[in-house]
Amino acid sequence: MDVLVRRVRQGAAEVFTLELTELGFSMLGVETLPPRVFGALLRSCFDDTGPTSEERARIERGEKKQRPASPGGDAKSEVT
């Protein structure tokens, strides 16, 4: 898995996943697959630490948080 991490301010970062595999895996056209795959990926990130109860509730709901537009770009959704 390729991951980009950018520090946005003290104590806060943005994390982006780019590629899960280089072996030809594709989720194109399978609408049910991305939530399952990325949900499992996100849960695995918390295996050793665990989210707070508020974060757990947002993860289970699949809730997305809107973040402000970056310079030269538009607002993006992220699961946080």
N, C-alpha and C. Protein backbone atom coordinates (compact mmCIF):
# COMPACT_ATOMS: atom_id res chain seq x y z
N MET A 1 0.84 -1.16 0.00
CA MET A 1 0.00 0.00 0.00
C MET A 1 0.89 1.23 0.00
N ASP A 2 0.57 2.18 -0.85
CA ASP A 2 1.29 3.45 -0.88
C ASP A 2 0.50 4.46 -0.06
N VAL A 3 1.20 5.19 0.79
CA VAL A 3 0.55 6.17 1.66
C VAL A 3 1.33 7.48 1.60
N LEU A 4 0.59 8.59 1.48
CA LEU A 4 1.19 9.91 1.58
C LEU A 4 0.66 10.55 2.85
N VAL A 5 1.56 11.15 3.62
CA VAL A 5 1.17 11.82 4.87
C VAL A 5 1.71 13.24 4.80
N ARG A 6 0.83 14.19 5.14
CA ARG A 6 1.23 15.59 5.13
C ARG A 6 0.83 16.22 6.46
N ARG A 7 1.78 16.87 7.09
CA ARG A 7 1.49 17.58 8.34
C ARG A 7 0.77 18.87 7.98
N VAL A 8 -0.43 19.08 8.52
CA VAL A 8 -1.20 20.28 8.21
C VAL A 8 -1.09 21.34 9.30
N ARG A 9 -0.78 20.92 10.50
CA ARG A 9 -0.51 21.82 11.62
C ARG A 9 0.01 20.94 12.76
N GLN A 10 0.42 21.56 13.83
CA GLN A 10 0.94 20.80 14.95
C GLN A 10 -0.13 19.85 15.47
N GLY A 11 0.20 18.57 15.52
CA GLY A 11 -0.72 17.56 16.03
C GLY A 11 -1.76 17.08 15.04
N ALA A 12 -1.67 17.48 13.77
CA ALA A 12 -2.67 17.07 12.78
C ALA A 12 -1.99 16.74 11.45
N ALA A 13 -2.52 15.73 10.79
CA ALA A 13 -1.96 15.31 9.51
C ALA A 13 -3.07 14.85 8.58
N GLU A 14 -2.81 14.90 7.29
CA GLU A 14 -3.69 14.32 6.28
C GLU A 14 -3.01 13.06 5.78
N VAL A 15 -3.78 12.01 5.59
CA VAL A 15 -3.24 10.74 5.12
C VAL A 15 -4.02 10.33 3.88
N PHE A 16 -3.31 10.00 2.81
CA PHE A 16 -3.93 9.58 1.56
C PHE A 16 -3.38 8.22 1.17
N THR A 17 -4.26 7.32 0.77
CA THR A 17 -3.81 6.05 0.21
C THR A 17 -3.87 6.18 -1.30
N LEU A 18 -2.87 5.65 -1.97
CA LEU A 18 -2.80 5.78 -3.41
C LEU A 18 -3.04 4.45 -4.11
N GLU A 19 -2.36 3.45 -3.68
CA GLU A 19 -2.37 2.18 -4.38
C GLU A 19 -2.34 1.06 -3.35
N LEU A 20 -3.24 0.11 -3.50
CA LEU A 20 -3.27 -1.00 -2.55
C LEU A 20 -2.35 -2.13 -2.97
N THR A 21 -2.18 -2.29 -4.26
CA THR A 21 -1.35 -3.37 -4.75
C THR A 21 -0.85 -3.05 -6.15
N GLU A 22 0.22 -3.66 -6.52
CA GLU A 22 0.75 -3.48 -7.86
C GLU A 22 0.59 -4.77 -8.67
N LEU A 23 -0.31 -5.63 -8.23
CA LEU A 23 -0.50 -6.92 -8.88
C LEU A 23 -1.76 -6.97 -9.72
N GLY A 24 -2.28 -5.82 -10.13
CA GLY A 24 -3.42 -5.80 -11.02
C GLY A 24 -4.78 -5.79 -10.34
N PHE A 25 -4.84 -5.63 -9.03
CA PHE A 25 -6.11 -5.57 -8.32
C PHE A 25 -6.88 -4.33 -8.74
N SER A 26 -8.15 -4.47 -9.06
CA SER A 26 -8.96 -3.33 -9.49
C SER A 26 -10.33 -3.41 -8.86
N MET A 27 -10.85 -2.26 -8.45
CA MET A 27 -12.20 -2.18 -7.90
C MET A 27 -13.14 -1.48 -8.87
N LEU A 28 -12.66 -1.18 -10.06
CA LEU A 28 -13.49 -0.48 -11.04
C LEU A 28 -14.74 -1.28 -11.37
N GLY A 29 -15.87 -0.60 -11.31
CA GLY A 29 -17.12 -1.24 -11.67
C GLY A 29 -17.76 -2.09 -10.59
N VAL A 30 -17.12 -2.25 -9.45
CA VAL A 30 -17.69 -3.04 -8.36
C VAL A 30 -18.00 -2.08 -7.22
N GLU A 31 -19.21 -1.53 -7.20
CA GLU A 31 -19.56 -0.47 -6.26
C GLU A 31 -19.49 -0.90 -4.80
N THR A 32 -19.68 -2.17 -4.51
CA THR A 32 -19.67 -2.61 -3.11
C THR A 32 -18.27 -2.87 -2.58
N LEU A 33 -17.29 -2.96 -3.46
CA LEU A 33 -15.94 -3.32 -3.03
C LEU A 33 -15.17 -2.19 -2.35
N PRO A 34 -15.14 -0.96 -2.85
CA PRO A 34 -14.35 0.08 -2.18
C PRO A 34 -14.70 0.27 -0.70
N PRO A 35 -15.99 0.35 -0.31
CA PRO A 35 -16.26 0.50 1.12
C PRO A 35 -15.75 -0.67 1.96
N ARG A 36 -15.83 -1.88 1.42
CA ARG A 36 -15.35 -3.05 2.16
C ARG A 36 -13.84 -3.04 2.28
N VAL A 37 -13.15 -2.77 1.17
CA VAL A 37 -11.68 -2.81 1.17
C VAL A 37 -11.12 -1.67 2.00
N PHE A 38 -11.60 -0.44 1.77
CA PHE A 38 -11.05 0.69 2.51
C PHE A 38 -11.49 0.68 3.97
N GLY A 39 -12.66 0.13 4.26
CA GLY A 39 -13.08 -0.03 5.65
C GLY A 39 -12.15 -0.98 6.39
N ALA A 40 -11.81 -2.10 5.75
CA ALA A 40 -10.88 -3.06 6.35
C ALA A 40 -9.50 -2.44 6.51
N LEU A 41 -9.07 -1.67 5.52
CA LEU A 41 -7.78 -1.00 5.59
C LEU A 41 -7.74 -0.03 6.76
N LEU A 42 -8.79 0.78 6.89
CA LEU A 42 -8.84 1.74 7.99
C LEU A 42 -8.87 1.05 9.34
N ARG A 43 -9.68 -0.01 9.47
CA ARG A 43 -9.72 -0.75 10.74
C ARG A 43 -8.36 -1.32 11.09
N SER A 44 -7.63 -1.78 10.09
CA SER A 44 -6.31 -2.35 10.37
C SER A 44 -5.32 -1.30 10.87
N CYS A 45 -5.55 -0.05 10.51
CA CYS A 45 -4.68 1.03 11.00
C CYS A 45 -4.82 1.24 12.50
N PHE A 46 -5.96 0.84 13.06
CA PHE A 46 -6.21 1.03 14.48
C PHE A 46 -6.00 -0.25 15.30
N ASP A 47 -5.52 -1.31 14.68
CA ASP A 47 -5.34 -2.58 15.39
C ASP A 47 -4.54 -2.45 16.67
N ASP A 48 -3.49 -1.64 16.65
CA ASP A 48 -2.64 -1.55 17.83
C ASP A 48 -2.97 -0.38 18.76
N THR A 49 -3.81 0.55 18.31
CA THR A 49 -4.12 1.70 19.16
C THR A 49 -5.61 1.85 19.43
N GLY A 50 -6.40 1.63 18.43
CA GLY A 50 -7.84 1.78 18.55
C GLY A 50 -8.29 3.22 18.49
N PRO A 51 -9.41 3.46 17.84
CA PRO A 51 -9.96 4.82 17.76
C PRO A 51 -10.71 5.17 19.05
N THR A 52 -10.98 6.45 19.21
CA THR A 52 -11.81 6.88 20.33
C THR A 52 -13.24 6.42 20.04
N SER A 53 -14.11 6.52 21.03
CA SER A 53 -15.50 6.10 20.81
C SER A 53 -16.16 6.96 19.73
N GLU A 54 -15.83 8.25 19.68
CA GLU A 54 -16.38 9.13 18.64
C GLU A 54 -15.86 8.72 17.26
N GLU A 55 -14.55 8.44 17.16
CA GLU A 55 -13.98 8.00 15.88
C GLU A 55 -14.58 6.67 15.45
N ARG A 56 -14.77 5.74 16.38
CA ARG A 56 -15.36 4.44 16.08
C ARG A 56 -16.76 4.62 15.49
N ALA A 57 -17.57 5.49 16.08
CA ALA A 57 -18.93 5.72 15.59
C ALA A 57 -18.89 6.29 14.17
N ARG A 58 -17.97 7.22 13.90
CA ARG A 58 -17.87 7.79 12.55
C ARG A 58 -17.40 6.74 11.55
N ILE A 59 -16.45 5.91 11.95
CA ILE A 59 -15.96 4.85 11.06
C ILE A 59 -17.08 3.88 10.72
N GLU A 60 -17.83 3.46 11.72
CA GLU A 60 -18.92 2.50 11.50
C GLU A 60 -20.01 3.07 10.62
N ARG A 61 -20.24 4.38 10.71
CA ARG A 61 -21.25 5.03 9.85
C ARG A 61 -20.69 5.34 8.47
N GLY A 62 -19.37 5.23 8.31
CA GLY A 62 -18.75 5.57 7.03
C GLY A 62 -18.82 7.07 6.78
N GLU A 63 -18.90 7.84 7.86
CA GLU A 63 -19.08 9.28 7.76
C GLU A 63 -17.84 9.95 7.21
N LYS A 64 -18.06 10.90 6.33
CA LYS A 64 -16.95 11.65 5.76
C LYS A 64 -16.94 13.06 6.34
N LYS A 65 -15.77 13.58 6.55
CA LYS A 65 -15.59 14.91 7.10
C LYS A 65 -15.07 15.81 5.99
N GLN A 66 -15.69 16.95 5.80
CA GLN A 66 -15.25 17.88 4.76
C GLN A 66 -14.07 18.69 5.29
N ARG A 67 -13.02 18.76 4.52
CA ARG A 67 -11.89 19.57 4.94
C ARG A 67 -11.79 20.78 4.02
N PRO A 68 -11.19 21.86 4.48
CA PRO A 68 -11.12 23.08 3.68
C PRO A 68 -10.33 22.87 2.39
N ALA A 69 -10.63 23.73 1.42
CA ALA A 69 -9.92 23.67 0.14
C ALA A 69 -8.45 23.99 0.35
N SER A 70 -7.61 23.30 -0.40
CA SER A 70 -6.19 23.60 -0.38
C SER A 70 -5.92 24.70 -1.41
N PRO A 71 -4.84 25.43 -1.28
CA PRO A 71 -4.53 26.47 -2.27
C PRO A 71 -4.50 25.87 -3.67
N GLY A 72 -5.26 26.47 -4.57
CA GLY A 72 -5.29 25.98 -5.95
C GLY A 72 -6.16 24.76 -6.15
N GLY A 73 -6.89 24.33 -5.14
CA GLY A 73 -7.72 23.14 -5.27
C GLY A 73 -9.07 23.36 -4.64
N ASP A 74 -9.89 22.36 -4.71
CA ASP A 74 -11.20 22.47 -4.09
C ASP A 74 -11.29 21.56 -2.89
N ALA A 75 -12.37 21.70 -2.15
CA ALA A 75 -12.55 20.92 -0.92
C ALA A 75 -12.59 19.44 -1.26
N LYS A 76 -12.12 18.61 -0.35
CA LYS A 76 -12.11 17.17 -0.54
C LYS A 76 -12.73 16.53 0.68
N SER A 77 -13.34 15.35 0.47
CA SER A 77 -13.89 14.60 1.60
C SER A 77 -12.86 13.63 2.09
N GLU A 78 -12.86 13.41 3.37
CA GLU A 78 -11.95 12.42 3.94
C GLU A 78 -12.63 11.73 5.09
N VAL A 79 -12.29 10.49 5.28
CA VAL A 79 -12.80 9.76 6.44
C VAL A 79 -11.79 9.97 7.54
N THR A 80 -12.24 10.57 8.64
CA THR A 80 -11.33 10.83 9.76
C THR A 80 -11.98 10.42 11.05
